N, C-alpha and C. Protein backbone atom coordinates (compact mmCIF):
# COMPACT_ATOMS: atom_id res chain seq x y z
N MET A 1 103.11 111.05 98.53
CA MET A 1 101.96 110.37 97.97
C MET A 1 102.45 109.25 97.05
N ASN A 2 101.91 108.05 97.21
CA ASN A 2 102.33 106.93 96.37
C ASN A 2 101.31 106.65 95.27
N PHE A 3 101.58 105.64 94.46
CA PHE A 3 100.67 105.29 93.36
C PHE A 3 99.27 105.01 93.87
N MET A 4 99.18 104.31 95.00
CA MET A 4 97.89 103.96 95.53
C MET A 4 97.10 105.21 95.91
N ASP A 5 97.77 106.20 96.51
CA ASP A 5 97.11 107.44 96.86
C ASP A 5 96.52 108.10 95.62
N VAL A 6 97.27 108.11 94.55
CA VAL A 6 96.80 108.71 93.30
C VAL A 6 95.57 107.98 92.79
N ARG A 7 95.60 106.65 92.88
CA ARG A 7 94.43 105.89 92.45
C ARG A 7 93.21 106.21 93.29
N VAL A 8 93.40 106.33 94.61
CA VAL A 8 92.28 106.64 95.48
C VAL A 8 91.73 108.02 95.18
N LEU A 9 92.60 108.98 94.96
CA LEU A 9 92.16 110.33 94.60
C LEU A 9 91.24 110.28 93.39
N SER A 10 91.61 109.46 92.43
CA SER A 10 90.85 109.37 91.18
C SER A 10 89.57 108.59 91.33
N THR A 11 89.50 107.67 92.28
CA THR A 11 88.34 106.79 92.37
C THR A 11 87.21 107.36 93.21
N LEU A 12 87.41 108.46 93.86
CA LEU A 12 86.35 108.99 94.71
C LEU A 12 85.13 109.45 93.91
N GLY A 13 85.28 109.62 92.61
CA GLY A 13 84.17 110.00 91.76
C GLY A 13 83.51 108.81 91.06
N LEU A 14 83.78 107.60 91.51
CA LEU A 14 83.24 106.41 90.86
C LEU A 14 81.74 106.30 91.04
N SER A 15 81.12 105.61 90.09
CA SER A 15 79.68 105.33 90.19
C SER A 15 79.45 104.21 91.21
N GLU A 16 78.21 104.04 91.59
CA GLU A 16 77.86 102.94 92.51
C GLU A 16 78.19 101.58 91.89
N GLU A 17 78.02 101.48 90.59
CA GLU A 17 78.36 100.23 89.88
C GLU A 17 79.86 99.96 89.94
N ASP A 18 80.66 100.99 89.76
CA ASP A 18 82.12 100.84 89.84
C ASP A 18 82.54 100.40 91.24
N ILE A 19 81.94 101.00 92.25
CA ILE A 19 82.27 100.65 93.63
C ILE A 19 81.84 99.22 93.93
N ALA A 20 80.69 98.81 93.42
CA ALA A 20 80.24 97.43 93.60
C ALA A 20 81.24 96.46 92.97
N ALA A 21 81.83 96.85 91.83
CA ALA A 21 82.84 95.99 91.19
C ALA A 21 84.07 95.87 92.08
N LEU A 22 84.46 96.94 92.77
CA LEU A 22 85.58 96.87 93.70
C LEU A 22 85.27 95.93 94.87
N PHE A 23 84.06 96.03 95.41
CA PHE A 23 83.67 95.13 96.50
C PHE A 23 83.66 93.67 96.03
N ARG A 24 83.19 93.43 94.80
CA ARG A 24 83.21 92.05 94.26
C ARG A 24 84.63 91.55 94.12
N ALA A 25 85.52 92.42 93.64
CA ALA A 25 86.92 92.03 93.50
C ALA A 25 87.53 91.71 94.87
N ALA A 26 87.18 92.48 95.88
CA ALA A 26 87.67 92.21 97.24
C ALA A 26 87.09 90.89 97.75
N GLU A 27 85.84 90.64 97.46
CA GLU A 27 85.20 89.40 97.92
C GLU A 27 85.90 88.17 97.34
N THR A 28 86.45 88.29 96.16
CA THR A 28 87.18 87.18 95.54
C THR A 28 88.39 86.80 96.39
N ILE A 29 88.98 87.77 97.07
CA ILE A 29 90.11 87.47 97.97
C ILE A 29 89.63 86.55 99.08
N ARG A 30 88.50 86.89 99.69
CA ARG A 30 87.96 86.09 100.79
C ARG A 30 87.63 84.67 100.35
N GLU A 31 87.16 84.54 99.12
CA GLU A 31 86.74 83.24 98.61
C GLU A 31 87.89 82.37 98.11
N ALA A 32 89.09 82.91 98.08
CA ALA A 32 90.24 82.16 97.57
C ALA A 32 90.49 80.92 98.43
N GLY A 33 90.84 79.84 97.76
CA GLY A 33 91.06 78.58 98.46
C GLY A 33 92.44 78.43 99.07
N ASP A 34 93.39 79.24 98.63
CA ASP A 34 94.75 79.14 99.15
C ASP A 34 95.46 80.47 98.95
N ASN A 35 96.67 80.55 99.45
CA ASN A 35 97.41 81.82 99.40
C ASN A 35 97.68 82.27 97.97
N ARG A 36 97.97 81.35 97.08
CA ARG A 36 98.26 81.71 95.69
C ARG A 36 97.04 82.35 95.03
N HIS A 37 95.88 81.74 95.23
CA HIS A 37 94.66 82.30 94.64
C HIS A 37 94.28 83.63 95.31
N ALA A 38 94.54 83.75 96.59
CA ALA A 38 94.28 85.01 97.28
C ALA A 38 95.20 86.10 96.72
N ALA A 39 96.46 85.76 96.48
CA ALA A 39 97.41 86.71 95.91
C ALA A 39 96.96 87.16 94.52
N GLU A 40 96.50 86.21 93.72
CA GLU A 40 96.00 86.55 92.38
C GLU A 40 94.76 87.44 92.48
N ALA A 41 93.89 87.14 93.44
CA ALA A 41 92.69 87.96 93.64
C ALA A 41 93.06 89.36 94.12
N ALA A 42 94.07 89.45 94.99
CA ALA A 42 94.52 90.76 95.47
C ALA A 42 95.09 91.58 94.31
N PHE A 43 95.84 90.92 93.45
CA PHE A 43 96.36 91.63 92.29
C PHE A 43 95.21 92.12 91.43
N ALA A 44 94.21 91.27 91.22
CA ALA A 44 93.05 91.66 90.41
C ALA A 44 92.32 92.85 91.04
N PHE A 45 92.20 92.84 92.36
CA PHE A 45 91.58 93.96 93.07
C PHE A 45 92.37 95.25 92.83
N GLN A 46 93.67 95.19 93.03
CA GLN A 46 94.51 96.36 92.84
C GLN A 46 94.48 96.84 91.39
N HIS A 47 94.46 95.88 90.47
CA HIS A 47 94.39 96.23 89.05
C HIS A 47 93.06 96.91 88.73
N GLU A 48 91.98 96.39 89.30
CA GLU A 48 90.66 97.01 89.10
C GLU A 48 90.67 98.44 89.63
N LEU A 49 91.25 98.64 90.78
CA LEU A 49 91.36 99.98 91.35
C LEU A 49 92.16 100.89 90.41
N ALA A 50 93.25 100.37 89.88
CA ALA A 50 94.06 101.16 88.94
C ALA A 50 93.27 101.47 87.67
N MET A 51 92.53 100.50 87.16
CA MET A 51 91.74 100.72 85.95
C MET A 51 90.68 101.79 86.19
N GLN A 52 90.04 101.73 87.34
CA GLN A 52 88.97 102.69 87.63
C GLN A 52 89.49 104.08 87.93
N SER A 53 90.78 104.21 88.12
CA SER A 53 91.35 105.53 88.40
C SER A 53 91.24 106.45 87.19
N GLY A 54 91.14 105.85 86.02
CA GLY A 54 91.09 106.66 84.81
C GLY A 54 92.47 107.02 84.27
N ASN A 55 93.50 106.68 85.00
CA ASN A 55 94.87 106.93 84.57
C ASN A 55 95.32 105.73 83.74
N THR A 56 95.60 105.94 82.48
CA THR A 56 95.94 104.83 81.60
C THR A 56 97.31 104.22 81.89
N LEU A 57 98.19 104.95 82.55
CA LEU A 57 99.52 104.43 82.85
C LEU A 57 99.56 103.54 84.09
N LEU A 58 98.76 103.83 85.09
CA LEU A 58 98.81 103.06 86.34
C LEU A 58 98.58 101.56 86.15
N PRO A 59 97.56 101.15 85.39
CA PRO A 59 97.39 99.70 85.20
C PRO A 59 98.60 99.07 84.49
N LEU A 60 99.20 99.78 83.57
CA LEU A 60 100.37 99.26 82.87
C LEU A 60 101.56 99.13 83.81
N ILE A 61 101.77 100.14 84.63
CA ILE A 61 102.87 100.09 85.60
C ILE A 61 102.64 98.95 86.58
N PHE A 62 101.44 98.87 87.10
CA PHE A 62 101.13 97.83 88.08
C PHE A 62 101.30 96.44 87.45
N ARG A 63 100.83 96.28 86.23
CA ARG A 63 100.93 94.99 85.54
C ARG A 63 102.38 94.59 85.31
N SER A 64 103.25 95.56 85.10
CA SER A 64 104.65 95.25 84.82
C SER A 64 105.35 94.62 86.03
N PHE A 65 104.77 94.78 87.21
CA PHE A 65 105.34 94.19 88.42
C PHE A 65 104.57 92.96 88.88
N TYR A 66 103.79 92.37 88.00
CA TYR A 66 102.90 91.26 88.35
C TYR A 66 103.60 90.16 89.15
N SER A 67 104.68 89.62 88.64
CA SER A 67 105.35 88.49 89.29
C SER A 67 105.85 88.86 90.68
N SER A 68 106.46 90.00 90.81
CA SER A 68 106.97 90.44 92.11
C SER A 68 105.85 90.69 93.09
N VAL A 69 104.81 91.35 92.63
CA VAL A 69 103.67 91.65 93.50
C VAL A 69 102.99 90.37 93.96
N LEU A 70 102.86 89.41 93.06
CA LEU A 70 102.22 88.15 93.41
C LEU A 70 102.98 87.43 94.52
N VAL A 71 104.29 87.41 94.41
CA VAL A 71 105.12 86.77 95.45
C VAL A 71 104.92 87.47 96.79
N LEU A 72 104.88 88.79 96.79
CA LEU A 72 104.71 89.53 98.03
C LEU A 72 103.33 89.33 98.64
N TRP A 73 102.28 89.31 97.80
CA TRP A 73 100.93 89.06 98.33
C TRP A 73 100.83 87.64 98.89
N GLU A 74 101.45 86.69 98.21
CA GLU A 74 101.44 85.31 98.70
C GLU A 74 102.13 85.22 100.06
N ARG A 75 103.26 85.88 100.18
CA ARG A 75 104.00 85.89 101.44
C ARG A 75 103.18 86.60 102.52
N PHE A 76 102.52 87.70 102.16
CA PHE A 76 101.66 88.40 103.12
C PHE A 76 100.61 87.44 103.66
N CYS A 77 99.98 86.67 102.78
CA CYS A 77 98.95 85.72 103.21
C CYS A 77 99.54 84.64 104.11
N ALA A 78 100.72 84.15 103.78
CA ALA A 78 101.37 83.12 104.59
C ALA A 78 101.67 83.63 106.00
N LEU A 79 102.07 84.89 106.09
CA LEU A 79 102.46 85.45 107.38
C LEU A 79 101.29 86.05 108.17
N ASN A 80 100.30 86.56 107.47
CA ASN A 80 99.23 87.32 108.12
C ASN A 80 97.84 86.74 107.93
N GLY A 81 97.69 85.87 106.95
CA GLY A 81 96.39 85.27 106.68
C GLY A 81 95.62 85.97 105.58
N VAL A 82 94.85 85.18 104.87
CA VAL A 82 94.01 85.71 103.79
C VAL A 82 92.97 86.66 104.35
N SER A 83 92.47 86.37 105.55
CA SER A 83 91.43 87.23 106.13
C SER A 83 91.92 88.65 106.34
N MET A 84 93.18 88.83 106.72
CA MET A 84 93.70 90.19 106.90
C MET A 84 93.79 90.91 105.55
N LEU A 85 94.21 90.21 104.53
CA LEU A 85 94.27 90.80 103.20
C LEU A 85 92.88 91.22 102.73
N TYR A 86 91.91 90.35 102.97
CA TYR A 86 90.53 90.65 102.60
C TYR A 86 90.01 91.88 103.37
N GLU A 87 90.18 91.87 104.69
CA GLU A 87 89.69 92.98 105.51
C GLU A 87 90.35 94.30 105.13
N THR A 88 91.62 94.24 104.82
CA THR A 88 92.34 95.44 104.39
C THR A 88 91.73 96.01 103.12
N SER A 89 91.42 95.14 102.17
CA SER A 89 90.85 95.58 100.89
C SER A 89 89.43 96.10 101.06
N VAL A 90 88.64 95.40 101.87
CA VAL A 90 87.25 95.83 102.08
C VAL A 90 87.20 97.18 102.79
N ARG A 91 88.09 97.38 103.74
CA ARG A 91 88.10 98.67 104.44
C ARG A 91 88.41 99.81 103.47
N LEU A 92 89.34 99.59 102.55
CA LEU A 92 89.62 100.60 101.53
C LEU A 92 88.38 100.84 100.67
N CYS A 93 87.70 99.77 100.30
CA CYS A 93 86.46 99.91 99.52
C CYS A 93 85.43 100.76 100.25
N ARG A 94 85.31 100.53 101.55
CA ARG A 94 84.34 101.31 102.34
C ARG A 94 84.69 102.80 102.34
N HIS A 95 85.97 103.11 102.47
CA HIS A 95 86.37 104.52 102.44
C HIS A 95 86.07 105.14 101.07
N ILE A 96 86.31 104.37 100.02
CA ILE A 96 86.00 104.86 98.67
C ILE A 96 84.49 105.04 98.50
N ARG A 97 83.73 104.05 98.96
CA ARG A 97 82.26 104.14 98.87
C ARG A 97 81.75 105.37 99.62
N ASP A 98 82.35 105.65 100.77
CA ASP A 98 81.92 106.79 101.59
C ASP A 98 82.49 108.11 101.11
N ARG A 99 83.30 108.06 100.05
CA ARG A 99 83.94 109.25 99.47
C ARG A 99 84.81 109.97 100.51
N ASP A 100 85.43 109.19 101.37
CA ASP A 100 86.24 109.74 102.45
C ASP A 100 87.72 109.65 102.07
N LEU A 101 88.18 110.66 101.35
CA LEU A 101 89.55 110.67 100.84
C LEU A 101 90.57 110.61 101.97
N SER A 102 90.39 111.40 103.00
CA SER A 102 91.40 111.41 104.06
C SER A 102 91.49 110.05 104.76
N ALA A 103 90.37 109.39 104.96
CA ALA A 103 90.39 108.06 105.58
C ALA A 103 91.03 107.03 104.64
N ALA A 104 90.75 107.13 103.36
CA ALA A 104 91.33 106.19 102.39
C ALA A 104 92.85 106.33 102.33
N VAL A 105 93.32 107.55 102.24
CA VAL A 105 94.76 107.79 102.17
C VAL A 105 95.42 107.41 103.49
N ALA A 106 94.78 107.74 104.62
CA ALA A 106 95.33 107.37 105.93
C ALA A 106 95.41 105.85 106.06
N TRP A 107 94.40 105.13 105.57
CA TRP A 107 94.40 103.67 105.63
C TRP A 107 95.53 103.09 104.78
N ILE A 108 95.72 103.62 103.60
CA ILE A 108 96.81 103.17 102.73
C ILE A 108 98.16 103.44 103.39
N ASP A 109 98.32 104.61 103.94
CA ASP A 109 99.58 104.95 104.61
C ASP A 109 99.83 104.02 105.80
N TYR A 110 98.80 103.79 106.59
CA TYR A 110 98.93 102.90 107.74
C TYR A 110 99.34 101.49 107.30
N CYS A 111 98.64 100.96 106.31
CA CYS A 111 98.93 99.60 105.83
C CYS A 111 100.34 99.51 105.26
N THR A 112 100.76 100.53 104.55
CA THR A 112 102.10 100.54 103.99
C THR A 112 103.14 100.53 105.09
N ARG A 113 102.97 101.39 106.08
CA ARG A 113 103.90 101.42 107.22
C ARG A 113 103.92 100.09 107.96
N GLU A 114 102.77 99.52 108.21
CA GLU A 114 102.69 98.25 108.95
C GLU A 114 103.31 97.10 108.16
N THR A 115 103.22 97.17 106.85
CA THR A 115 103.81 96.12 106.01
C THR A 115 105.33 96.22 106.01
N VAL A 116 105.83 97.42 106.01
CA VAL A 116 107.28 97.63 105.97
C VAL A 116 107.92 97.36 107.33
N SER A 117 107.32 97.87 108.39
CA SER A 117 108.01 97.76 109.68
C SER A 117 107.10 97.50 110.87
N GLY A 118 105.90 97.06 110.62
CA GLY A 118 104.97 96.87 111.73
C GLY A 118 104.45 95.46 111.83
N SER A 119 103.20 95.36 112.15
CA SER A 119 102.58 94.06 112.45
C SER A 119 102.10 93.30 111.20
N ARG A 120 102.09 93.94 110.05
CA ARG A 120 101.62 93.29 108.82
C ARG A 120 102.79 93.03 107.88
N ARG A 121 103.78 92.42 108.39
CA ARG A 121 105.03 92.27 107.64
C ARG A 121 104.91 91.32 106.45
N ILE A 122 105.81 91.50 105.51
CA ILE A 122 105.88 90.62 104.34
C ILE A 122 107.25 89.98 104.22
N TYR A 123 108.11 90.27 105.18
CA TYR A 123 109.47 89.71 105.16
C TYR A 123 109.63 88.70 106.26
N TYR A 124 110.35 87.63 105.96
CA TYR A 124 110.59 86.59 106.96
C TYR A 124 111.64 87.02 107.95
């Protein structure tokens, strides 16, 4: 189980307002004008997810990797497109909204595997 899995476990008890905030954060990715802004929006989405987890350490840990994460999200957008980043985030939001823990964790695992060695690569 990775950090993201822990965050998802914690977010399944979110209010409708909290979930709407996650969807708004994901929508900001779609509205980004370029890869840099999409990367910043993706970081904001992930940070919002970490904040809503209720774990006070996760946002701090995630924030400490800001520069590295931003470079990777930017590269992801260059290689895969902002639309894929947006769709990935929205799908996670839907699983959280539906309180479907197994689907949320499976989606995170799939995306992680695809980013490392599959079709959603981040390496040139």
